Amino acid sequence: MRHVPVATLRNYLFQLRSEHVMAFDDKAPNPVDLHVGGRVRMRRKFLGMSQDGLAEHLDLTFQQVQKYERGSNRISASKLFEIAKALKVPVAYFYEGYGEGEHPDGFSESASEQSVHSFLMTAEGIELAEAFPRIKSAKHRRKVLDLVRSLADDR
């Protein structure tokens, strides 16, 4: 029996694992599925609905809702119609903003736009987006913006 050095085995296993990952890289979520899933998540959170709550409306598990929101599972047309009814929006809502302002490098959003979008999908982002327009005074809204800018610059 021939002995192979451990380092050689490690390198071989690493190479196999890398090839395996690369072979399945084409299974990455489609950008449209990511966008639609993100819009489902944003609307659900905006309504204050949990994944369990949406899953119950759709007769699914919360794990399936998670997969839809992450874009790892594609949403069928009939299921998207049900989701739209549960979230009280037209089906077109889920496609809004997709492909707008595409950049030549192939990315649909700049890094700062992606950061803003990600923030708006958090509970804090939704709460802020709901509360800010309720400030009636333009002067007070300006002061809030100035405060936020000054705090952001303090980093």
N, C-alpha and C. Protein backbone atom coordinates (compact mmCIF):
# COMPACT_ATOMS: atom_id res chain seq x y z
N MET A 1 0.84 -1.17 0.00
CA MET A 1 0.00 0.00 0.00
C MET A 1 0.89 1.24 0.00
N ARG A 2 0.55 2.18 -0.84
CA ARG A 2 1.32 3.41 -1.00
C ARG A 2 0.80 4.48 -0.04
N HIS A 3 1.70 5.18 0.63
CA HIS A 3 1.32 6.25 1.56
C HIS A 3 1.39 7.59 0.85
N VAL A 4 0.33 8.37 1.02
CA VAL A 4 0.27 9.70 0.42
C VAL A 4 0.36 10.72 1.54
N PRO A 5 1.22 11.73 1.39
CA PRO A 5 1.33 12.75 2.44
C PRO A 5 -0.01 13.43 2.70
N VAL A 6 -0.25 13.77 3.97
CA VAL A 6 -1.50 14.41 4.38
C VAL A 6 -1.73 15.71 3.62
N ALA A 7 -0.68 16.50 3.43
CA ALA A 7 -0.82 17.78 2.72
C ALA A 7 -1.33 17.56 1.30
N THR A 8 -0.85 16.51 0.66
CA THR A 8 -1.30 16.20 -0.69
C THR A 8 -2.78 15.84 -0.69
N LEU A 9 -3.18 15.04 0.29
CA LEU A 9 -4.60 14.68 0.40
C LEU A 9 -5.47 15.91 0.64
N ARG A 10 -5.01 16.79 1.54
CA ARG A 10 -5.75 18.03 1.82
C ARG A 10 -5.93 18.85 0.55
N ASN A 11 -4.83 19.01 -0.20
CA ASN A 11 -4.90 19.79 -1.44
C ASN A 11 -5.86 19.15 -2.44
N TYR A 12 -5.81 17.83 -2.53
CA TYR A 12 -6.69 17.12 -3.45
C TYR A 12 -8.16 17.31 -3.05
N LEU A 13 -8.45 17.16 -1.75
CA LEU A 13 -9.82 17.34 -1.27
C LEU A 13 -10.30 18.78 -1.47
N PHE A 14 -9.41 19.74 -1.23
CA PHE A 14 -9.78 21.14 -1.44
C PHE A 14 -10.11 21.39 -2.91
N GLN A 15 -9.29 20.81 -3.80
CA GLN A 15 -9.53 20.98 -5.24
C GLN A 15 -10.86 20.34 -5.64
N LEU A 16 -11.15 19.15 -5.13
CA LEU A 16 -12.42 18.50 -5.43
C LEU A 16 -13.60 19.34 -4.94
N ARG A 17 -13.47 19.85 -3.71
CA ARG A 17 -14.55 20.67 -3.15
C ARG A 17 -14.73 21.93 -3.98
N SER A 18 -13.63 22.56 -4.39
CA SER A 18 -13.72 23.77 -5.21
C SER A 18 -14.40 23.49 -6.54
N GLU A 19 -14.03 22.38 -7.17
CA GLU A 19 -14.65 22.01 -8.45
C GLU A 19 -16.13 21.72 -8.26
N HIS A 20 -16.47 21.07 -7.14
CA HIS A 20 -17.87 20.76 -6.84
C HIS A 20 -18.67 22.05 -6.67
N VAL A 21 -18.13 23.00 -5.93
CA VAL A 21 -18.81 24.28 -5.72
C VAL A 21 -18.96 25.01 -7.05
N MET A 22 -17.90 25.02 -7.86
CA MET A 22 -17.96 25.72 -9.14
C MET A 22 -18.98 25.06 -10.06
N ALA A 23 -19.09 23.73 -9.99
CA ALA A 23 -20.04 23.03 -10.85
C ALA A 23 -21.47 23.41 -10.51
N PHE A 24 -21.72 23.73 -9.25
CA PHE A 24 -23.07 24.10 -8.84
C PHE A 24 -23.27 25.60 -8.76
N ASP A 25 -22.26 26.37 -9.15
CA ASP A 25 -22.37 27.83 -9.10
C ASP A 25 -23.45 28.34 -10.04
N ASP A 26 -23.73 27.57 -11.11
CA ASP A 26 -24.78 27.99 -12.03
C ASP A 26 -26.16 27.85 -11.40
N LYS A 27 -26.23 27.30 -10.21
CA LYS A 27 -27.50 27.18 -9.49
C LYS A 27 -27.76 28.42 -8.64
N ALA A 28 -26.94 29.44 -8.78
CA ALA A 28 -27.15 30.68 -8.03
C ALA A 28 -28.50 31.26 -8.42
N PRO A 29 -29.17 31.91 -7.46
CA PRO A 29 -30.50 32.48 -7.75
C PRO A 29 -30.46 33.46 -8.92
N ASN A 30 -31.49 33.42 -9.72
CA ASN A 30 -31.66 34.34 -10.82
C ASN A 30 -31.91 35.74 -10.26
N PRO A 31 -31.35 36.79 -10.86
CA PRO A 31 -31.56 38.15 -10.35
C PRO A 31 -33.04 38.55 -10.25
N VAL A 32 -33.86 38.06 -11.16
CA VAL A 32 -35.30 38.38 -11.09
C VAL A 32 -35.90 37.72 -9.85
N ASP A 33 -35.53 36.47 -9.58
CA ASP A 33 -36.04 35.77 -8.40
C ASP A 33 -35.59 36.48 -7.12
N LEU A 34 -34.36 36.97 -7.11
CA LEU A 34 -33.86 37.72 -5.95
C LEU A 34 -34.67 39.00 -5.75
N HIS A 35 -34.93 39.70 -6.84
CA HIS A 35 -35.68 40.95 -6.77
C HIS A 35 -37.11 40.70 -6.28
N VAL A 36 -37.78 39.74 -6.90
CA VAL A 36 -39.17 39.44 -6.52
C VAL A 36 -39.22 38.98 -5.06
N GLY A 37 -38.31 38.11 -4.67
CA GLY A 37 -38.27 37.65 -3.28
C GLY A 37 -38.02 38.78 -2.30
N GLY A 38 -37.14 39.69 -2.68
CA GLY A 38 -36.87 40.86 -1.83
C GLY A 38 -38.09 41.74 -1.68
N ARG A 39 -38.85 41.89 -2.76
CA ARG A 39 -40.07 42.71 -2.70
C ARG A 39 -41.14 42.02 -1.85
N VAL A 40 -41.21 40.68 -1.91
CA VAL A 40 -42.14 39.95 -1.04
C VAL A 40 -41.78 40.22 0.41
N ARG A 41 -40.50 40.10 0.73
CA ARG A 41 -40.03 40.31 2.11
C ARG A 41 -40.32 41.74 2.57
N MET A 42 -40.01 42.72 1.71
CA MET A 42 -40.21 44.12 2.07
C MET A 42 -41.68 44.40 2.35
N ARG A 43 -42.57 43.92 1.49
CA ARG A 43 -44.00 44.17 1.68
C ARG A 43 -44.52 43.46 2.93
N ARG A 44 -44.08 42.22 3.13
CA ARG A 44 -44.51 41.46 4.31
C ARG A 44 -44.11 42.19 5.58
N LYS A 45 -42.86 42.66 5.62
CA LYS A 45 -42.39 43.39 6.79
C LYS A 45 -43.12 44.71 6.95
N PHE A 46 -43.40 45.38 5.84
CA PHE A 46 -44.13 46.64 5.89
C PHE A 46 -45.49 46.45 6.54
N LEU A 47 -46.13 45.32 6.25
CA LEU A 47 -47.44 45.03 6.83
C LEU A 47 -47.34 44.49 8.25
N GLY A 48 -46.11 44.26 8.71
CA GLY A 48 -45.93 43.71 10.06
C GLY A 48 -46.30 42.23 10.15
N MET A 49 -46.23 41.55 9.03
CA MET A 49 -46.60 40.13 8.97
C MET A 49 -45.35 39.27 9.12
N SER A 50 -45.46 38.22 9.88
CA SER A 50 -44.33 37.29 10.05
C SER A 50 -44.29 36.33 8.87
N GLN A 51 -43.17 35.62 8.75
CA GLN A 51 -43.08 34.58 7.72
C GLN A 51 -44.11 33.50 8.00
N ASP A 52 -44.32 33.19 9.28
CA ASP A 52 -45.34 32.20 9.65
C ASP A 52 -46.73 32.66 9.20
N GLY A 53 -47.01 33.95 9.40
CA GLY A 53 -48.31 34.49 9.02
C GLY A 53 -48.55 34.38 7.52
N LEU A 54 -47.54 34.76 6.74
CA LEU A 54 -47.68 34.66 5.28
C LEU A 54 -47.80 33.19 4.87
N ALA A 55 -46.99 32.34 5.49
CA ALA A 55 -47.03 30.91 5.17
C ALA A 55 -48.42 30.34 5.43
N GLU A 56 -49.03 30.78 6.52
CA GLU A 56 -50.38 30.30 6.85
C GLU A 56 -51.39 30.72 5.78
N HIS A 57 -51.29 31.98 5.32
CA HIS A 57 -52.17 32.46 4.25
C HIS A 57 -52.03 31.61 2.99
N LEU A 58 -50.80 31.14 2.75
CA LEU A 58 -50.50 30.45 1.50
C LEU A 58 -50.53 28.93 1.63
N ASP A 59 -50.78 28.44 2.85
CA ASP A 59 -50.77 27.01 3.13
C ASP A 59 -49.40 26.41 2.80
N LEU A 60 -48.36 27.11 3.29
CA LEU A 60 -46.97 26.68 3.12
C LEU A 60 -46.29 26.65 4.48
N THR A 61 -45.05 26.18 4.50
CA THR A 61 -44.23 26.29 5.71
C THR A 61 -43.50 27.63 5.68
N PHE A 62 -43.09 28.10 6.85
CA PHE A 62 -42.33 29.35 6.87
C PHE A 62 -41.00 29.19 6.16
N GLN A 63 -40.47 27.95 6.14
CA GLN A 63 -39.20 27.71 5.44
C GLN A 63 -39.35 27.96 3.94
N GLN A 64 -40.52 27.60 3.39
CA GLN A 64 -40.75 27.84 1.97
C GLN A 64 -40.82 29.33 1.70
N VAL A 65 -41.46 30.08 2.59
CA VAL A 65 -41.52 31.54 2.44
C VAL A 65 -40.10 32.11 2.49
N GLN A 66 -39.27 31.60 3.40
CA GLN A 66 -37.86 32.03 3.48
C GLN A 66 -37.16 31.80 2.15
N LYS A 67 -37.35 30.65 1.57
CA LYS A 67 -36.70 30.32 0.30
C LYS A 67 -37.18 31.24 -0.82
N TYR A 68 -38.47 31.56 -0.82
CA TYR A 68 -38.99 32.50 -1.81
C TYR A 68 -38.33 33.86 -1.63
N GLU A 69 -38.27 34.32 -0.38
CA GLU A 69 -37.72 35.65 -0.11
C GLU A 69 -36.24 35.74 -0.44
N ARG A 70 -35.51 34.67 -0.26
CA ARG A 70 -34.07 34.66 -0.59
C ARG A 70 -33.83 34.47 -2.07
N GLY A 71 -34.87 34.07 -2.80
CA GLY A 71 -34.71 33.82 -4.23
C GLY A 71 -34.16 32.45 -4.53
N SER A 72 -34.00 31.62 -3.51
CA SER A 72 -33.45 30.29 -3.75
C SER A 72 -34.49 29.33 -4.33
N ASN A 73 -35.77 29.62 -4.13
CA ASN A 73 -36.84 28.89 -4.80
C ASN A 73 -37.63 29.87 -5.65
N ARG A 74 -37.87 29.49 -6.87
CA ARG A 74 -38.63 30.33 -7.80
C ARG A 74 -40.11 30.27 -7.45
N ILE A 75 -40.78 31.42 -7.53
CA ILE A 75 -42.20 31.50 -7.22
C ILE A 75 -43.00 31.31 -8.51
N SER A 76 -43.91 30.35 -8.50
CA SER A 76 -44.74 30.12 -9.69
C SER A 76 -45.71 31.29 -9.86
N ALA A 77 -46.27 31.41 -11.05
CA ALA A 77 -47.21 32.49 -11.34
C ALA A 77 -48.44 32.41 -10.43
N SER A 78 -48.96 31.21 -10.23
CA SER A 78 -50.15 31.07 -9.38
C SER A 78 -49.83 31.39 -7.93
N LYS A 79 -48.65 31.00 -7.46
CA LYS A 79 -48.27 31.30 -6.07
C LYS A 79 -48.01 32.80 -5.91
N LEU A 80 -47.42 33.43 -6.92
CA LEU A 80 -47.19 34.87 -6.85
C LEU A 80 -48.52 35.62 -6.78
N PHE A 81 -49.52 35.11 -7.50
CA PHE A 81 -50.86 35.70 -7.46
C PHE A 81 -51.44 35.60 -6.04
N GLU A 82 -51.27 34.43 -5.41
CA GLU A 82 -51.75 34.24 -4.03
C GLU A 82 -51.00 35.16 -3.06
N ILE A 83 -49.69 35.28 -3.26
CA ILE A 83 -48.88 36.15 -2.40
C ILE A 83 -49.35 37.59 -2.54
N ALA A 84 -49.60 38.01 -3.77
CA ALA A 84 -50.07 39.38 -4.02
C ALA A 84 -51.38 39.63 -3.29
N LYS A 85 -52.30 38.66 -3.32
CA LYS A 85 -53.57 38.82 -2.61
C LYS A 85 -53.33 38.91 -1.10
N ALA A 86 -52.48 38.04 -0.57
CA ALA A 86 -52.21 38.03 0.87
C ALA A 86 -51.55 39.33 1.33
N LEU A 87 -50.71 39.90 0.46
CA LEU A 87 -49.99 41.13 0.82
C LEU A 87 -50.70 42.39 0.31
N LYS A 88 -51.86 42.19 -0.31
CA LYS A 88 -52.72 43.31 -0.75
C LYS A 88 -52.02 44.27 -1.72
N VAL A 89 -51.38 43.68 -2.72
CA VAL A 89 -50.74 44.47 -3.78
C VAL A 89 -51.00 43.78 -5.12
N PRO A 90 -50.90 44.53 -6.23
CA PRO A 90 -51.00 43.87 -7.53
C PRO A 90 -49.72 43.06 -7.80
N VAL A 91 -49.82 42.07 -8.64
CA VAL A 91 -48.66 41.23 -8.97
C VAL A 91 -47.51 42.08 -9.49
N ALA A 92 -47.82 43.12 -10.25
CA ALA A 92 -46.77 43.98 -10.83
C ALA A 92 -45.89 44.62 -9.76
N TYR A 93 -46.40 44.76 -8.54
CA TYR A 93 -45.63 45.36 -7.44
C TYR A 93 -44.28 44.64 -7.28
N PHE A 94 -44.29 43.33 -7.42
CA PHE A 94 -43.08 42.55 -7.16
C PHE A 94 -41.99 42.77 -8.21
N TYR A 95 -42.36 43.31 -9.36
CA TYR A 95 -41.39 43.57 -10.43
C TYR A 95 -40.97 45.03 -10.50
N GLU A 96 -41.65 45.89 -9.72
CA GLU A 96 -41.33 47.32 -9.75
C GLU A 96 -39.86 47.54 -9.42
N GLY A 97 -39.23 48.38 -10.21
CA GLY A 97 -37.83 48.73 -9.96
C GLY A 97 -36.83 47.78 -10.57
N TYR A 98 -37.27 46.63 -11.08
CA TYR A 98 -36.31 45.70 -11.65
C TYR A 98 -35.85 46.20 -13.01
N GLY A 99 -34.54 46.25 -13.20
CA GLY A 99 -33.97 46.63 -14.48
C GLY A 99 -33.94 48.12 -14.74
N GLU A 100 -34.47 48.92 -13.81
CA GLU A 100 -34.44 50.37 -14.00
C GLU A 100 -33.04 50.89 -13.70
N GLY A 101 -32.60 51.82 -14.51
CA GLY A 101 -31.30 52.46 -14.26
C GLY A 101 -30.14 51.49 -14.28
N GLU A 102 -30.17 50.52 -15.18
CA GLU A 102 -29.07 49.55 -15.21
C GLU A 102 -27.76 50.23 -15.57
N HIS A 103 -26.72 49.76 -14.94
CA HIS A 103 -25.39 50.32 -15.16
C HIS A 103 -24.66 49.48 -16.20
N PRO A 104 -23.73 50.08 -16.92
CA PRO A 104 -23.02 49.34 -17.96
C PRO A 104 -22.26 48.12 -17.45
N ASP A 105 -21.88 48.13 -16.17
CA ASP A 105 -21.12 46.99 -15.64
C ASP A 105 -22.02 45.78 -15.36
N GLY A 106 -23.32 45.92 -15.62
CA GLY A 106 -24.22 44.78 -15.47
C GLY A 106 -24.95 44.74 -14.15
N PHE A 107 -24.56 45.58 -13.19
CA PHE A 107 -25.24 45.60 -11.91
C PHE A 107 -26.37 46.61 -11.96
N SER A 108 -27.52 46.24 -11.44
CA SER A 108 -28.68 47.11 -11.54
C SER A 108 -28.67 48.20 -10.48
N GLU A 109 -27.89 48.05 -9.41
CA GLU A 109 -27.84 49.06 -8.37
C GLU A 109 -26.39 49.32 -7.98
N SER A 110 -26.11 50.55 -7.62
CA SER A 110 -24.78 50.85 -7.10
C SER A 110 -24.69 50.28 -5.68
N ALA A 111 -23.49 50.27 -5.12
CA ALA A 111 -23.31 49.75 -3.77
C ALA A 111 -24.13 50.55 -2.76
N SER A 112 -24.18 51.89 -2.92
CA SER A 112 -24.94 52.69 -1.96
C SER A 112 -26.44 52.45 -2.13
N GLU A 113 -26.91 52.25 -3.37
CA GLU A 113 -28.33 51.95 -3.60
C GLU A 113 -28.68 50.60 -2.98
N GLN A 114 -27.78 49.63 -3.10
CA GLN A 114 -28.02 48.32 -2.50
C GLN A 114 -28.07 48.44 -0.98
N SER A 115 -27.20 49.28 -0.42
CA SER A 115 -27.17 49.49 1.02
C SER A 115 -28.49 50.10 1.50
N VAL A 116 -28.98 51.10 0.78
CA VAL A 116 -30.25 51.74 1.13
C VAL A 116 -31.39 50.72 1.03
N HIS A 117 -31.41 49.97 -0.05
CA HIS A 117 -32.46 48.96 -0.25
C HIS A 117 -32.42 47.93 0.87
N SER A 118 -31.24 47.47 1.23
CA SER A 118 -31.11 46.48 2.31
C SER A 118 -31.61 47.05 3.63
N PHE A 119 -31.26 48.31 3.90
CA PHE A 119 -31.72 48.94 5.14
C PHE A 119 -33.23 49.06 5.16
N LEU A 120 -33.81 49.46 4.04
CA LEU A 120 -35.27 49.64 4.00
C LEU A 120 -36.02 48.33 4.18
N MET A 121 -35.35 47.22 4.01
CA MET A 121 -36.00 45.93 4.19
C MET A 121 -35.89 45.44 5.64
N THR A 122 -35.18 46.18 6.51
CA THR A 122 -35.09 45.80 7.91
C THR A 122 -36.28 46.37 8.67
N ALA A 123 -36.50 45.85 9.87
CA ALA A 123 -37.60 46.36 10.71
C ALA A 123 -37.41 47.84 11.01
N GLU A 124 -36.16 48.25 11.31
CA GLU A 124 -35.89 49.67 11.59
C GLU A 124 -36.14 50.54 10.36
N GLY A 125 -35.72 50.06 9.21
CA GLY A 125 -35.91 50.81 7.97
C GLY A 125 -37.38 51.03 7.67
N ILE A 126 -38.16 49.98 7.85
CA ILE A 126 -39.60 50.09 7.61
C ILE A 126 -40.23 51.04 8.60
N GLU A 127 -39.84 50.92 9.88
CA GLU A 127 -40.39 51.81 10.91
C GLU A 127 -40.05 53.26 10.61
N LEU A 128 -38.81 53.51 10.21
CA LEU A 128 -38.39 54.87 9.87
C LEU A 128 -39.16 55.39 8.65
N ALA A 129 -39.30 54.54 7.64
CA ALA A 129 -40.02 54.94 6.42
C ALA A 129 -41.49 55.23 6.70
N GLU A 130 -42.07 54.53 7.67
CA GLU A 130 -43.47 54.78 8.03
C GLU A 130 -43.62 56.03 8.88
N ALA A 131 -42.69 56.25 9.80
CA ALA A 131 -42.81 57.36 10.76
C ALA A 131 -42.44 58.71 10.15
N PHE A 132 -41.42 58.75 9.32
CA PHE A 132 -40.92 60.03 8.81
C PHE A 132 -41.99 60.85 8.09
N PRO A 133 -42.77 60.26 7.19
CA PRO A 133 -43.79 61.07 6.49
C PRO A 133 -44.88 61.59 7.42
N ARG A 134 -45.01 61.00 8.62
CA ARG A 134 -46.03 61.47 9.56
C ARG A 134 -45.60 62.74 10.29
N ILE A 135 -44.34 63.13 10.14
CA ILE A 135 -43.89 64.40 10.72
C ILE A 135 -44.47 65.50 9.84
N LYS A 136 -45.41 66.24 10.38
CA LYS A 136 -46.15 67.23 9.57
C LYS A 136 -45.30 68.44 9.21
N SER A 137 -44.46 68.88 10.12
CA SER A 137 -43.69 70.10 9.91
C SER A 137 -42.46 69.84 9.03
N ALA A 138 -42.36 70.58 7.93
CA ALA A 138 -41.19 70.47 7.06
C ALA A 138 -39.93 70.86 7.82
N LYS A 139 -40.05 71.83 8.72
CA LYS A 139 -38.92 72.28 9.53
C LYS A 139 -38.43 71.13 10.43
N HIS A 140 -39.36 70.40 11.04
CA HIS A 140 -38.97 69.28 11.90
C HIS A 140 -38.37 68.13 11.08
N ARG A 141 -38.94 67.87 9.90
CA ARG A 141 -38.37 66.82 9.04
C ARG A 141 -36.93 67.18 8.67
N ARG A 142 -36.68 68.46 8.36
CA ARG A 142 -35.33 68.92 8.02
C ARG A 142 -34.39 68.71 9.21
N LYS A 143 -34.87 69.01 10.43
CA LYS A 143 -34.03 68.83 11.63
C LYS A 143 -33.70 67.35 11.85
N VAL A 144 -34.67 66.49 11.61
CA VAL A 144 -34.42 65.05 11.74
C VAL A 144 -33.37 64.61 10.73
N LEU A 145 -33.49 65.07 9.49
CA LEU A 145 -32.49 64.74 8.47
C LEU A 145 -31.11 65.25 8.85
N ASP A 146 -31.06 66.50 9.35
CA ASP A 146 -29.77 67.06 9.77
C ASP A 146 -29.16 66.23 10.90
N LEU A 147 -29.99 65.81 11.85
CA LEU A 147 -29.51 64.98 12.96
C LEU A 147 -28.96 63.65 12.44
N VAL A 148 -29.70 63.01 11.57
CA VAL A 148 -29.26 61.72 11.02
C VAL A 148 -27.95 61.89 10.26
N ARG A 149 -27.86 62.94 9.45
CA ARG A 149 -26.61 63.18 8.70
C ARG A 149 -25.43 63.40 9.65
N SER A 150 -25.65 64.18 10.70
CA SER A 150 -24.54 64.45 11.63
C SER A 150 -24.13 63.18 12.36
N LEU A 151 -25.09 62.35 12.74
CA LEU A 151 -24.75 61.09 13.40
C LEU A 151 -24.03 60.15 12.44
N ALA A 152 -24.43 60.14 11.18
CA ALA A 152 -23.79 59.28 10.18
C ALA A 152 -22.36 59.73 9.92
N ASP A 153 -22.13 61.05 9.97
CA ASP A 153 -20.78 61.58 9.74
C ASP A 153 -19.85 61.35 10.91
N ASP A 154 -20.39 61.05 12.10
CA ASP A 154 -19.58 60.84 13.30
C ASP A 154 -18.84 59.52 13.31
N ARG A 155 -19.10 58.67 12.34
CA ARG A 155 -18.48 57.34 12.33
C ARG A 155 -17.05 57.47 12.50
